[in-house]
């Protein structure tokens, strides 16, 4: 016996012959629910990151222009010790990555678990233009070189295009435990809410080192845009940039309560375009991040990012890298849309 047809016997039900269309809101919530359910079911979700042993990081007071070199030296020593411990426990790839980090300008380092790193490219103490890069999911010490490559690309272009006498610095901030792409946490604001105080602390510290006249830009990629949005209110920055953002958790740019200029971009080949831009209550938590940052409704300054995909915003020669360089340098009238 067939079930599910309503109406008078012998007469077709209204709409018979074509599939019923669920309300748009229900469909979108269903997509998000499916995403969370799939993430929970994937075996490597939440378990893929090894708990690599390492010493607790050296505790230092916030650096100043005078103590900056000493801070770099202390964190380099932490990275070198972490590499030795990783080697002893059979984590050869991690040890290699940490040895490389032990030669760089580190504002922070913690080798435990997936790892946390804050690296400075350039002369931070004398920089008139400072860019802070905030990464998205699946970023840790084991994948840090991929993130660092974006910082290197921006730093190189800034150095070439900065006006005479203007020094620049780029800060690669892996200062929070990023969610895994295949995990429920990537669809909620929990990690971002935990990370926001650390990002605020970083910005305050950078102001103390570079001074109040330095122009400071926050460039936030993917889930990193959720982190930046959570930290934005009252933050002493000049520009706030969302790249390949799934949403920020805010309905509009004005809701961020920031004095900074708010920018957004998405490459034509970025899969994040297909993420449902809603938030919904599912399984006792809010899933999704609301309004699309490149939409007119959100109200950001949208700039051209070319045809690139989700990982291409800092690709050498790309329209997005050119525009990011202009934003960081303060040449905002030259930004193309």
C-alpha atoms as a PDB file:
ATOM      1  CA  UNK A   1       0.000   0.000   0.000  1.00  0.00           C
ATOM      2  CA  UNK A   2       1.268   3.447  -0.840  1.00  0.00           C
ATOM      3  CA  UNK A   3       1.301   6.053   1.891  1.00  0.00           C
ATOM      4  CA  UNK A   4       1.797   9.777   2.111  1.00  0.00           C
ATOM      5  CA  UNK A   5      -0.834  11.066  -0.381  1.00  0.00           C
ATOM      6  CA  UNK A   6      -3.421  13.399   1.069  1.00  0.00           C
ATOM      7  CA  UNK A   7      -6.666  14.536  -0.597  1.00  0.00           C
ATOM      8  CA  UNK A   8      -9.925  13.139  -1.883  1.00  0.00           C
ATOM      9  CA  UNK A   9      -9.853   9.548  -3.070  1.00  0.00           C
ATOM     10  CA  UNK A  10      -9.469   9.377  -6.832  1.00  0.00           C
ATOM     11  CA  UNK A  11      -8.108  12.923  -7.099  1.00  0.00           C
ATOM     12  CA  UNK A  12      -4.413  13.743  -7.216  1.00  0.00           C
ATOM     13  CA  UNK A  13      -2.978  15.548  -4.227  1.00  0.00           C
ATOM     14  CA  UNK A  14      -2.034  19.187  -4.745  1.00  0.00           C
ATOM     15  CA  UNK A  15       1.378  19.370  -6.395  1.00  0.00           C
ATOM     16  CA  UNK A  16       1.350  15.720  -7.443  1.00  0.00           C
ATOM     17  CA  UNK A  17       3.752  14.943 -10.257  1.00  0.00           C
ATOM     18  CA  UNK A  18       6.593  17.133  -8.965  1.00  0.00           C
ATOM     19  CA  UNK A  19       8.691  16.790  -5.816  1.00  0.00           C
ATOM     20  CA  UNK A  20       7.704  18.910  -2.858  1.00  0.00           C
ATOM     21  CA  UNK A  21      10.106  21.723  -2.046  1.00  0.00           C
ATOM     22  CA  UNK A  22      11.024  22.133   1.612  1.00  0.00           C
ATOM     23  CA  UNK A  23      11.157  25.676   2.940  1.00  0.00           C
ATOM     24  CA  UNK A  24      14.528  27.331   2.277  1.00  0.00           C
ATOM     25  CA  UNK A  25      15.284  27.730   5.978  1.00  0.00           C
ATOM     26  CA  UNK A  26      14.627  24.059   6.658  1.00  0.00           C
ATOM     27  CA  UNK A  27      16.812  23.033   3.735  1.00  0.00           C
ATOM     28  CA  UNK A  28      19.700  25.174   4.910  1.00  0.00           C
ATOM     29  CA  UNK A  29      19.425  23.923   8.468  1.00  0.00           C
ATOM     30  CA  UNK A  30      19.365  20.407   7.081  1.00  0.00           C
ATOM     31  CA  UNK A  31      22.577  21.034   5.174  1.00  0.00           C
ATOM     32  CA  UNK A  32      24.286  22.270   8.309  1.00  0.00           C
ATOM     33  CA  UNK A  33      23.005  19.328  10.311  1.00  0.00           C
ATOM     34  CA  UNK A  34      24.351  16.973   7.662  1.00  0.00           C
ATOM     35  CA  UNK A  35      27.706  18.717   7.797  1.00  0.00           C
ATOM     36  CA  UNK A  36      27.963  18.319  11.550  1.00  0.00           C
ATOM     37  CA  UNK A  37      26.787  14.714  11.439  1.00  0.00           C
ATOM     38  CA  UNK A  38      29.327  13.892   8.731  1.00  0.00           C
ATOM     39  CA  UNK A  39      32.099  15.541  10.697  1.00  0.00           C
ATOM     40  CA  UNK A  40      31.257  13.550  13.807  1.00  0.00           C
ATOM     41  CA  UNK A  41      31.291  10.336  11.794  1.00  0.00           C
ATOM     42  CA  UNK A  42      34.696  10.869  10.196  1.00  0.00           C
ATOM     43  CA  UNK A  43      37.229   8.788  12.141  1.00  0.00           C
ATOM     44  CA  UNK A  44      40.034  11.344  12.018  1.00  0.00           C
ATOM     45  CA  UNK A  45      37.907  14.183  13.365  1.00  0.00           C
ATOM     46  CA  UNK A  46      39.368  15.419  16.617  1.00  0.00           C
ATOM     47  CA  UNK A  47      41.892  12.583  16.711  1.00  0.00           C
ATOM     48  CA  UNK A  48      44.277  13.322  13.863  1.00  0.00           C
ATOM     49  CA  UNK A  49      46.587  15.643  15.771  1.00  0.00           C
ATOM     50  CA  UNK A  50      49.272  13.891  17.788  1.00  0.00           C
ATOM     51  CA  UNK A  51      49.831  15.033  21.351  1.00  0.00           C
ATOM     52  CA  UNK A  52      53.507  15.716  20.850  1.00  0.00           C
ATOM     53  CA  UNK A  53      55.404  16.183  24.136  1.00  0.00           C
ATOM     54  CA  UNK A  54      57.204  19.482  24.649  1.00  0.00           C
ATOM     55  CA  UNK A  55      58.216  21.755  27.522  1.00  0.00           C
ATOM     56  CA  UNK A  56      55.903  24.483  28.743  1.00  0.00           C
ATOM     57  CA  UNK A  57      56.727  27.782  27.044  1.00  0.00           C
ATOM     58  CA  UNK A  58      58.902  30.356  28.750  1.00  0.00           C
ATOM     59  CA  UNK A  59      56.779  32.972  30.483  1.00  0.00           C
ATOM     60  CA  UNK A  60      57.889  36.502  29.658  1.00  0.00           C
ATOM     61  CA  UNK A  61      56.389  39.935  30.226  1.00  0.00           C
ATOM     62  CA  UNK A  62      54.929  41.602  27.123  1.00  0.00           C
ATOM     63  CA  UNK A  63      57.847  42.647  24.910  1.00  0.00           C
ATOM     64  CA  UNK A  64      58.823  46.232  24.214  1.00  0.00           C
ATOM     65  CA  UNK A  65      61.015  47.616  21.465  1.00  0.00           C
ATOM     66  CA  UNK A  66      63.937  47.319  23.915  1.00  0.00           C
ATOM     67  CA  UNK A  67      63.270  43.711  24.996  1.00  0.00           C
ATOM     68  CA  UNK A  68      62.150  42.376  21.617  1.00  0.00           C
ATOM     69  CA  UNK A  69      65.433  40.674  20.711  1.00  0.00           C
ATOM     70  CA  UNK A  70      65.593  38.975  24.116  1.00  0.00           C
ATOM     71  CA  UNK A  71      62.051  37.651  23.615  1.00  0.00           C
ATOM     72  CA  UNK A  72      62.993  36.272  20.201  1.00  0.00           C
ATOM     73  CA  UNK A  73      66.009  34.516  21.733  1.00  0.00           C
ATOM     74  CA  UNK A  74      63.985  32.951  24.565  1.00  0.00           C
ATOM     75  CA  UNK A  75      61.368  31.514  22.216  1.00  0.00           C
ATOM     76  CA  UNK A  76      64.011  30.255  19.806  1.00  0.00           C
ATOM     77  CA  UNK A  77      65.520  28.345  22.727  1.00  0.00           C
ATOM     78  CA  UNK A  78      62.085  26.867  23.515  1.00  0.00           C
ATOM     79  CA  UNK A  79      61.720  25.708  19.916  1.00  0.00           C
ATOM     80  CA  UNK A  80      65.172  24.111  19.951  1.00  0.00           C
ATOM     81  CA  UNK A  81      64.400  22.242  23.169  1.00  0.00           C
ATOM     82  CA  UNK A  82      61.049  21.111  21.808  1.00  0.00           C
ATOM     83  CA  UNK A  83      62.825  19.757  18.726  1.00  0.00           C
ATOM     84  CA  UNK A  84      65.183  17.705  20.906  1.00  0.00           C
ATOM     85  CA  UNK A  85      62.262  16.237  22.862  1.00  0.00           C
ATOM     86  CA  UNK A  86      60.289  15.488  19.696  1.00  0.00           C
ATOM     87  CA  UNK A  87      63.307  13.665  18.293  1.00  0.00           C
ATOM     88  CA  UNK A  88      63.665  11.549  21.440  1.00  0.00           C
ATOM     89  CA  UNK A  89      60.029  10.493  21.212  1.00  0.00           C
ATOM     90  CA  UNK A  90      60.179   9.580  17.532  1.00  0.00           C
ATOM     91  CA  UNK A  91      58.447  12.644  16.049  1.00  0.00           C
ATOM     92  CA  UNK A  92      61.034  13.298  13.373  1.00  0.00           C
ATOM     93  CA  UNK A  93      58.952  15.555  11.136  1.00  0.00           C
ATOM     94  CA  UNK A  94      57.922  17.706  14.087  1.00  0.00           C
ATOM     95  CA  UNK A  95      61.533  17.952  15.233  1.00  0.00           C
ATOM     96  CA  UNK A  96      62.565  19.151  11.775  1.00  0.00           C
ATOM     97  CA  UNK A  97      59.861  21.817  11.773  1.00  0.00           C
ATOM     98  CA  UNK A  98      60.817  23.003  15.257  1.00  0.00           C
ATOM     99  CA  UNK A  99      64.514  23.186  14.429  1.00  0.00           C
ATOM    100  CA  UNK A 100      63.622  25.486  11.531  1.00  0.00           C
ATOM    101  CA  UNK A 101      61.514  27.630  13.865  1.00  0.00           C
ATOM    102  CA  UNK A 102      64.422  27.869  16.312  1.00  0.00           C
ATOM    103  CA  UNK A 103      66.278  30.079  13.802  1.00  0.00           C
ATOM    104  CA  UNK A 104      63.498  32.680  13.400  1.00  0.00           C
ATOM    105  CA  UNK A 105      62.039  35.759  15.102  1.00  0.00           C
ATOM    106  CA  UNK A 106      59.483  34.207  17.445  1.00  0.00           C
ATOM    107  CA  UNK A 107      57.179  36.286  19.610  1.00  0.00           C
ATOM    108  CA  UNK A 108      55.679  33.101  21.056  1.00  0.00           C
ATOM    109  CA  UNK A 109      56.190  29.346  20.838  1.00  0.00           C
ATOM    110  CA  UNK A 110      54.485  26.348  22.389  1.00  0.00           C
ATOM    111  CA  UNK A 111      55.383  22.931  21.013  1.00  0.00           C
ATOM    112  CA  UNK A 112      52.777  20.962  22.951  1.00  0.00           C
ATOM    113  CA  UNK A 113      50.044  19.198  21.001  1.00  0.00           C
ATOM    114  CA  UNK A 114      49.407  20.704  17.582  1.00  0.00           C
ATOM    115  CA  UNK A 115      51.570  23.654  18.603  1.00  0.00           C
ATOM    116  CA  UNK A 116      51.337  27.442  18.657  1.00  0.00           C
ATOM    117  CA  UNK A 117      53.697  29.893  16.953  1.00  0.00           C
ATOM    118  CA  UNK A 118      53.876  33.650  16.488  1.00  0.00           C
ATOM    119  CA  UNK A 119      56.584  34.634  14.008  1.00  0.00           C
ATOM    120  CA  UNK A 120      57.667  38.106  12.931  1.00  0.00           C
ATOM    121  CA  UNK A 121      58.969  38.864   9.448  1.00  0.00           C
ATOM    122  CA  UNK A 122      60.680  42.238   9.261  1.00  0.00           C
ATOM    123  CA  UNK A 123      61.701  44.927  11.724  1.00  0.00           C
ATOM    124  CA  UNK A 124      58.723  45.124  14.059  1.00  0.00           C
ATOM    125  CA  UNK A 125      60.235  47.703  16.408  1.00  0.00           C
ATOM    126  CA  UNK A 126      60.583  50.249  13.588  1.00  0.00           C
ATOM    127  CA  UNK A 127      57.723  49.246  11.299  1.00  0.00           C
ATOM    128  CA  UNK A 128      55.259  51.878  10.151  1.00  0.00           C
ATOM    129  CA  UNK A 129      53.005  49.237   8.568  1.00  0.00           C
ATOM    130  CA  UNK A 130      52.242  45.961  10.357  1.00  0.00           C
ATOM    131  CA  UNK A 131      50.073  43.119   9.034  1.00  0.00           C
ATOM    132  CA  UNK A 132      48.849  40.287  11.267  1.00  0.00           C
ATOM    133  CA  UNK A 133      47.822  37.072   9.518  1.00  0.00           C
ATOM    134  CA  UNK A 134      45.260  34.843  11.250  1.00  0.00           C
ATOM    135  CA  UNK A 135      44.907  31.337   9.772  1.00  0.00           C
ATOM    136  CA  UNK A 136      41.957  29.020   9.435  1.00  0.00           C
ATOM    137  CA  UNK A 137      41.445  25.321  10.077  1.00  0.00           C
ATOM    138  CA  UNK A 138      44.043  22.550  10.128  1.00  0.00           C
ATOM    139  CA  UNK A 139      46.972  24.840  10.937  1.00  0.00           C
ATOM    140  CA  UNK A 140      49.585  23.723  13.451  1.00  0.00           C
ATOM    141  CA  UNK A 141      53.335  23.337  13.630  1.00  0.00           C
ATOM    142  CA  UNK A 142      53.175  20.322  11.311  1.00  0.00           C
ATOM    143  CA  UNK A 143      51.511  22.439   8.606  1.00  0.00           C
ATOM    144  CA  UNK A 144      53.048  25.758   9.589  1.00  0.00           C
ATOM    145  CA  UNK A 145      55.193  26.170   6.471  1.00  0.00           C
ATOM    146  CA  UNK A 146      52.048  26.398   4.367  1.00  0.00           C
ATOM    147  CA  UNK A 147      50.805  29.270   6.520  1.00  0.00           C
ATOM    148  CA  UNK A 148      54.248  30.878   6.634  1.00  0.00           C
ATOM    149  CA  UNK A 149      54.378  30.921   2.839  1.00  0.00           C
ATOM    150  CA  UNK A 150      51.457  33.359   2.816  1.00  0.00           C
ATOM    151  CA  UNK A 151      53.288  35.635   5.248  1.00  0.00           C
ATOM    152  CA  UNK A 152      56.453  35.492   3.142  1.00  0.00           C
ATOM    153  CA  UNK A 153      54.537  36.378  -0.024  1.00  0.00           C
ATOM    154  CA  UNK A 154      52.945  39.410   1.598  1.00  0.00           C
ATOM    155  CA  UNK A 155      56.160  40.512   3.285  1.00  0.00           C
ATOM    156  CA  UNK A 156      58.081  40.364   0.031  1.00  0.00           C
ATOM    157  CA  UNK A 157      55.540  42.467  -1.822  1.00  0.00           C
ATOM    158  CA  UNK A 158      55.265  44.981   1.005  1.00  0.00           C
ATOM    159  CA  UNK A 159      59.034  45.413   1.033  1.00  0.00           C
ATOM    160  CA  UNK A 160      59.056  46.059  -2.716  1.00  0.00           C
ATOM    161  CA  UNK A 161      56.131  48.495  -2.767  1.00  0.00           C
ATOM    162  CA  UNK A 162      56.461  50.411   0.498  1.00  0.00           C
ATOM    163  CA  UNK A 163      57.220  54.122   0.070  1.00  0.00           C
ATOM    164  CA  UNK A 164      60.791  55.212   0.688  1.00  0.00           C
ATOM    165  CA  UNK A 165      61.554  55.297   4.387  1.00  0.00           C
ATOM    166  CA  UNK A 166      58.555  53.174   5.418  1.00  0.00           C
ATOM    167  CA  UNK A 167      59.429  49.881   7.078  1.00  0.00           C
ATOM    168  CA  UNK A 168      57.029  46.951   7.178  1.00  0.00           C
ATOM    169  CA  UNK A 169      56.505  43.820   9.242  1.00  0.00           C
ATOM    170  CA  UNK A 170      54.259  40.777   8.932  1.00  0.00           C
ATOM    171  CA  UNK A 171      53.224  38.750  11.966  1.00  0.00           C
ATOM    172  CA  UNK A 172      52.165  35.153  11.317  1.00  0.00           C
ATOM    173  CA  UNK A 173      49.921  34.446  14.298  1.00  0.00           C
ATOM    174  CA  UNK A 174      49.207  30.790  14.942  1.00  0.00           C
ATOM    175  CA  UNK A 175      48.096  31.707  18.426  1.00  0.00           C
ATOM    176  CA  UNK A 176      45.091  29.443  18.843  1.00  0.00           C
ATOM    177  CA  UNK A 177      44.152  25.812  18.458  1.00  0.00           C
ATOM    178  CA  UNK A 178      42.596  25.796  15.016  1.00  0.00           C
ATOM    179  CA  UNK A 179      39.694  23.426  14.341  1.00  0.00           C
ATOM    180  CA  UNK A 180      40.058  20.480  12.020  1.00  0.00           C
ATOM    181  CA  UNK A 181      38.295  20.876   8.694  1.00  0.00           C
ATOM    182  CA  UNK A 182      36.603  17.528   9.309  1.00  0.00           C
ATOM    183  CA  UNK A 183      35.347  18.274  12.802  1.00  0.00           C
ATOM    184  CA  UNK A 184      32.188  19.755  14.336  1.00  0.00           C
ATOM    185  CA  UNK A 185      34.196  22.618  15.852  1.00  0.00           C
ATOM    186  CA  UNK A 186      34.792  24.129  12.421  1.00  0.00           C
ATOM    187  CA  UNK A 187      31.072  24.966  12.174  1.00  0.00           C
ATOM    188  CA  UNK A 188      30.762  26.706  15.565  1.00  0.00           C
ATOM    189  CA  UNK A 189      32.286  29.768  17.241  1.00  0.00           C
ATOM    190  CA  UNK A 190      33.740  27.908  20.235  1.00  0.00           C
ATOM    191  CA  UNK A 191      37.389  27.916  19.136  1.00  0.00           C
ATOM    192  CA  UNK A 192      37.064  31.537  18.034  1.00  0.00           C
ATOM    193  CA  UNK A 193      35.665  32.644  21.377  1.00  0.00           C
ATOM    194  CA  UNK A 194      38.566  30.921  23.150  1.00  0.00           C
ATOM    195  CA  UNK A 195      41.093  32.541  20.789  1.00  0.00           C
ATOM    196  CA  UNK A 196      39.775  36.116  20.829  1.00  0.00           C
ATOM    197  CA  UNK A 197      41.411  37.177  24.141  1.00  0.00           C
ATOM    198  CA  UNK A 198      44.797  35.965  22.890  1.00  0.00           C
ATOM    199  CA  UNK A 199      44.406  37.923  19.662  1.00  0.00           C
ATOM    200  CA  UNK A 200      43.471  41.071  21.579  1.00  0.00           C
ATOM    201  CA  UNK A 201      46.538  40.571  23.778  1.00  0.00           C
ATOM    202  CA  UNK A 202      48.721  40.216  20.689  1.00  0.00           C
ATOM    203  CA  UNK A 203      47.435  43.439  19.140  1.00  0.00           C
ATOM    204  CA  UNK A 204      47.996  45.307  22.403  1.00  0.00           C
ATOM    205  CA  UNK A 205      51.536  43.960  22.501  1.00  0.00           C
ATOM    206  CA  UNK A 206      52.239  44.945  18.915  1.00  0.00           C
ATOM    207  CA  UNK A 207      51.069  48.472  19.662  1.00  0.00           C
ATOM    208  CA  UNK A 208      53.462  48.593  22.600  1.00  0.00           C
ATOM    209  CA  UNK A 209      56.371  47.537  20.372  1.00  0.00           C
ATOM    210  CA  UNK A 210      55.627  49.373  17.107  1.00  0.00           C
ATOM    211  CA  UNK A 211      54.026  52.430  18.686  1.00  0.00           C
ATOM    212  CA  UNK A 212      50.664  54.152  18.268  1.00  0.00           C
ATOM    213  CA  UNK A 213      51.522  55.654  14.880  1.00  0.00           C
ATOM    214  CA  UNK A 214      52.074  52.323  13.149  1.00  0.00           C
ATOM    215  CA  UNK A 215      49.299  51.289  10.775  1.00  0.00           C
ATOM    216  CA  UNK A 216      48.057  47.842  11.847  1.00  0.00           C
ATOM    217  CA  UNK A 217      45.991  45.539   9.617  1.00  0.00           C
ATOM    218  CA  UNK A 218      44.387  42.231  10.581  1.00  0.00           C
ATOM    219  CA  UNK A 219      44.127  39.770   7.660  1.00  0.00           C
ATOM    220  CA  UNK A 220      41.877  36.851   8.558  1.00  0.00           C
ATOM    221  CA  UNK A 221      41.499  33.740   6.417  1.00  0.00           C
ATOM    222  CA  UNK A 222      38.607  31.266   6.498  1.00  0.00           C
ATOM    223  CA  UNK A 223      37.807  30.253  10.119  1.00  0.00           C
ATOM    224  CA  UNK A 224      40.330  32.893  11.165  1.00  0.00           C
ATOM    225  CA  UNK A 225      37.720  35.472  10.171  1.00  0.00           C
ATOM    226  CA  UNK A 226      35.484  34.142  12.946  1.00  0.00           C
ATOM    227  CA  UNK A 227      38.353  34.605  15.408  1.00  0.00           C
ATOM    228  CA  UNK A 228      38.963  38.172  14.234  1.00  0.00           C
ATOM    229  CA  UNK A 229      35.282  39.048  14.440  1.00  0.00           C
ATOM    230  CA  UNK A 230      35.133  37.831  18.030  1.00  0.00           C
ATOM    231  CA  UNK A 231      38.150  39.997  18.910  1.00  0.00           C
ATOM    232  CA  UNK A 232      37.194  43.065  16.849  1.00  0.00           C
ATOM    233  CA  UNK A 233      35.169  45.167  19.277  1.00  0.00           C
ATOM    234  CA  UNK A 234      37.297  48.095  20.418  1.00  0.00           C
ATOM    235  CA  UNK A 235      40.472  46.591  18.936  1.00  0.00           C
ATOM    236  CA  UNK A 236      43.152  49.178  18.079  1.00  0.00           C
ATOM    237  CA  UNK A 237      43.576  48.329  14.395  1.00  0.00           C
ATOM    238  CA  UNK A 238      43.202  50.293  11.166  1.00  0.00           C
ATOM    239  CA  UNK A 239      41.946  47.604   8.786  1.00  0.00           C
ATOM    240  CA  UNK A 240      40.095  44.327   9.288  1.00  0.00           C
ATOM    241  CA  UNK A 241      40.120  41.996   6.277  1.00  0.00           C
ATOM    242  CA  UNK A 242      38.094  38.803   5.791  1.00  0.00           C
ATOM    243  CA  UNK A 243      39.392  36.375   3.153  1.00  0.00           C
ATOM    244  CA  UNK A 244      37.436  33.320   2.017  1.00  0.00           C
ATOM    245  CA  UNK A 245      35.205  33.722   5.046  1.00  0.00           C
ATOM    246  CA  UNK A 246      32.375  31.290   5.840  1.00  0.00           C
ATOM    247  CA  UNK A 247      30.798  34.159   7.825  1.00  0.00           C
ATOM    248  CA  UNK A 248      31.906  35.978  10.928  1.00  0.00           C
ATOM    249  CA  UNK A 249      29.073  35.379  13.364  1.00  0.00           C
ATOM    250  CA  UNK A 250      28.060  39.034  12.922  1.00  0.00           C
ATOM    251  CA  UNK A 251      25.061  40.142  10.888  1.00  0.00           C
ATOM    252  CA  UNK A 252      26.739  43.273   9.536  1.00  0.00           C
ATOM    253  CA  UNK A 253      30.106  45.007   9.595  1.00  0.00           C
ATOM    254  CA  UNK A 254      28.632  47.582  11.981  1.00  0.00           C
ATOM    255  CA  UNK A 255      27.863  44.786  14.457  1.00  0.00           C
ATOM    256  CA  UNK A 256      31.614  44.206  14.843  1.00  0.00           C
ATOM    257  CA  UNK A 257      31.879  47.513  16.735  1.00  0.00           C
ATOM    258  CA  UNK A 258      35.261  48.393  15.315  1.00  0.00           C
ATOM    259  CA  UNK A 259      36.704  51.702  14.164  1.00  0.00           C
ATOM    260  CA  UNK A 260      38.706  49.825  11.529  1.00  0.00           C
ATOM    261  CA  UNK A 261      37.808  49.770   7.864  1.00  0.00           C
ATOM    262  CA  UNK A 262      36.205  46.376   7.214  1.00  0.00           C
ATOM    263  CA  UNK A 263      37.117  44.605   3.975  1.00  0.00           C
ATOM    264  CA  UNK A 264      36.102  41.272   2.435  1.00  0.00           C
ATOM    265  CA  UNK A 265      37.067  39.232  -0.603  1.00  0.00           C
ATOM    266  CA  UNK A 266      36.351  35.823  -2.090  1.00  0.00           C
ATOM    267  CA  UNK A 267      38.045  34.255  -5.084  1.00  0.00           C
ATOM    268  CA  UNK A 268      35.873  33.020  -7.929  1.00  0.00           C
ATOM    269  CA  UNK A 269      37.193  29.496  -7.397  1.00  0.00           C
ATOM    270  CA  UNK A 270      36.759  29.403  -3.610  1.00  0.00           C
ATOM    271  CA  UNK A 271      34.544  26.535  -2.447  1.00  0.00           C
ATOM    272  CA  UNK A 272      33.484  28.534   0.626  1.00  0.00           C
ATOM    273  CA  UNK A 273      30.955  30.287  -1.621  1.00  0.00           C
ATOM    274  CA  UNK A 274      28.799  27.168  -1.285  1.00  0.00           C
ATOM    275  CA  UNK A 275      28.747  27.158   2.526  1.00  0.00           C
ATOM    276  CA  UNK A 276      25.237  28.064   3.761  1.00  0.00           C
ATOM    277  CA  UNK A 277      25.486  31.549   5.294  1.00  0.00           C
ATOM    278  CA  UNK A 278      23.142  31.061   8.215  1.00  0.00           C
ATOM    279  CA  UNK A 279      23.241  30.238  11.878  1.00  0.00           C
ATOM    280  CA  UNK A 280      20.958  27.662  13.414  1.00  0.00           C
ATOM    281  CA  UNK A 281      20.424  25.951  16.763  1.00  0.00           C
ATOM    282  CA  UNK A 282      21.418  22.309  16.350  1.00  0.00           C
ATOM    283  CA  UNK A 283      22.267  19.740  19.024  1.00  0.00           C
ATOM    284  CA  UNK A 284      22.206  22.448  21.689  1.00  0.00           C
ATOM    285  CA  UNK A 285      24.707  24.752  19.993  1.00  0.00           C
ATOM    286  CA  UNK A 286      24.694  27.422  17.298  1.00  0.00           C
ATOM    287  CA  UNK A 287      26.034  26.119  14.000  1.00  0.00           C
ATOM    288  CA  UNK A 288      27.077  28.398  11.139  1.00  0.00           C
ATOM    289  CA  UNK A 289      28.284  31.977  10.975  1.00  0.00           C
ATOM    290  CA  UNK A 290      25.503  34.080   9.492  1.00  0.00           C
ATOM    291  CA  UNK A 291      25.711  36.754   6.819  1.00  0.00           C
ATOM    292  CA  UNK A 292      28.077  36.355   3.883  1.00  0.00           C
ATOM    293  CA  UNK A 293      30.847  38.976   4.384  1.00  0.00           C
ATOM    294  CA  UNK A 294      30.995  39.780   0.655  1.00  0.00           C
ATOM    295  CA  UNK A 295      27.252  40.428   0.453  1.00  0.00           C
ATOM    296  CA  UNK A 296      25.782  43.896   0.181  1.00  0.00           C
ATOM    297  CA  UNK A 297      23.808  43.158   3.344  1.00  0.00           C
ATOM    298  CA  UNK A 298      26.974  42.752   5.407  1.00  0.00           C
ATOM    299  CA  UNK A 299      28.367  46.122   4.346  1.00  0.00           C
ATOM    300  CA  UNK A 300      32.110  45.460   4.074  1.00  0.00           C
ATOM    301  CA  UNK A 301      34.325  47.028   1.399  1.00  0.00           C
ATOM    302  CA  UNK A 302      34.527  44.193  -1.123  1.00  0.00           C
ATOM    303  CA  UNK A 303      37.698  43.986  -3.213  1.00  0.00           C
ATOM    304  CA  UNK A 304      38.824  41.885  -6.153  1.00  0.00           C
ATOM    305  CA  UNK A 305      40.416  38.506  -5.454  1.00  0.00           C
ATOM    306  CA  UNK A 306      40.572  37.116  -8.994  1.00  0.00           C
ATOM    307  CA  UNK A 307      39.853  33.516  -9.942  1.00  0.00           C
ATOM    308  CA  UNK A 308      41.781  31.878  -7.131  1.00  0.00           C
ATOM    309  CA  UNK A 309      40.617  29.152  -4.809  1.00  0.00           C
ATOM    310  CA  UNK A 310      40.423  28.956  -1.040  1.00  0.00           C
ATOM    311  CA  UNK A 311      44.194  28.857  -0.529  1.00  0.00           C
ATOM    312  CA  UNK A 312      45.192  31.390  -3.195  1.00  0.00           C
ATOM    313  CA  UNK A 313      44.664  34.799  -1.576  1.00  0.00           C
ATOM    314  CA  UNK A 314      48.406  35.362  -1.150  1.00  0.00           C
ATOM    315  CA  UNK A 315      49.485  33.805  -4.435  1.00  0.00           C
ATOM    316  CA  UNK A 316      52.279  35.855  -6.055  1.00  0.00           C
ATOM    317  CA  UNK A 317      50.923  37.987  -8.898  1.00  0.00           C
ATOM    318  CA  UNK A 318      47.303  37.577  -7.834  1.00  0.00           C
ATOM    319  CA  UNK A 319      44.816  40.467  -7.675  1.00  0.00           C
ATOM    320  CA  UNK A 320      44.120  39.606  -4.057  1.00  0.00           C
ATOM    321  CA  UNK A 321      47.769  39.918  -2.995  1.00  0.00           C
ATOM    322  CA  UNK A 322      48.047  43.229  -4.850  1.00  0.00           C
ATOM    323  CA  UNK A 323      44.977  44.558  -3.044  1.00  0.00           C
ATOM    324  CA  UNK A 324      46.090  43.249   0.344  1.00  0.00           C
ATOM    325  CA  UNK A 325      49.407  45.026  -0.125  1.00  0.00           C
ATOM    326  CA  UNK A 326      47.602  48.294  -0.881  1.00  0.00           C
ATOM    327  CA  UNK A 327      45.391  47.910   2.174  1.00  0.00           C
ATOM    328  CA  UNK A 328      48.319  47.235   4.509  1.00  0.00           C
ATOM    329  CA  UNK A 329      50.311  50.158   3.087  1.00  0.00           C
ATOM    330  CA  UNK A 330      47.313  52.466   3.475  1.00  0.00           C
ATOM    331  CA  UNK A 331      46.922  53.051  -0.264  1.00  0.00           C
ATOM    332  CA  UNK A 332      43.224  52.253   0.002  1.00  0.00           C
ATOM    333  CA  UNK A 333      42.136  54.397  -2.966  1.00  0.00           C
ATOM    334  CA  UNK A 334      44.099  52.053  -5.252  1.00  0.00           C
ATOM    335  CA  UNK A 335      42.243  48.941  -4.062  1.00  0.00           C
ATOM    336  CA  UNK A 336      40.299  47.417  -6.965  1.00  0.00           C
ATOM    337  CA  UNK A 337      36.846  45.889  -6.734  1.00  0.00           C
END
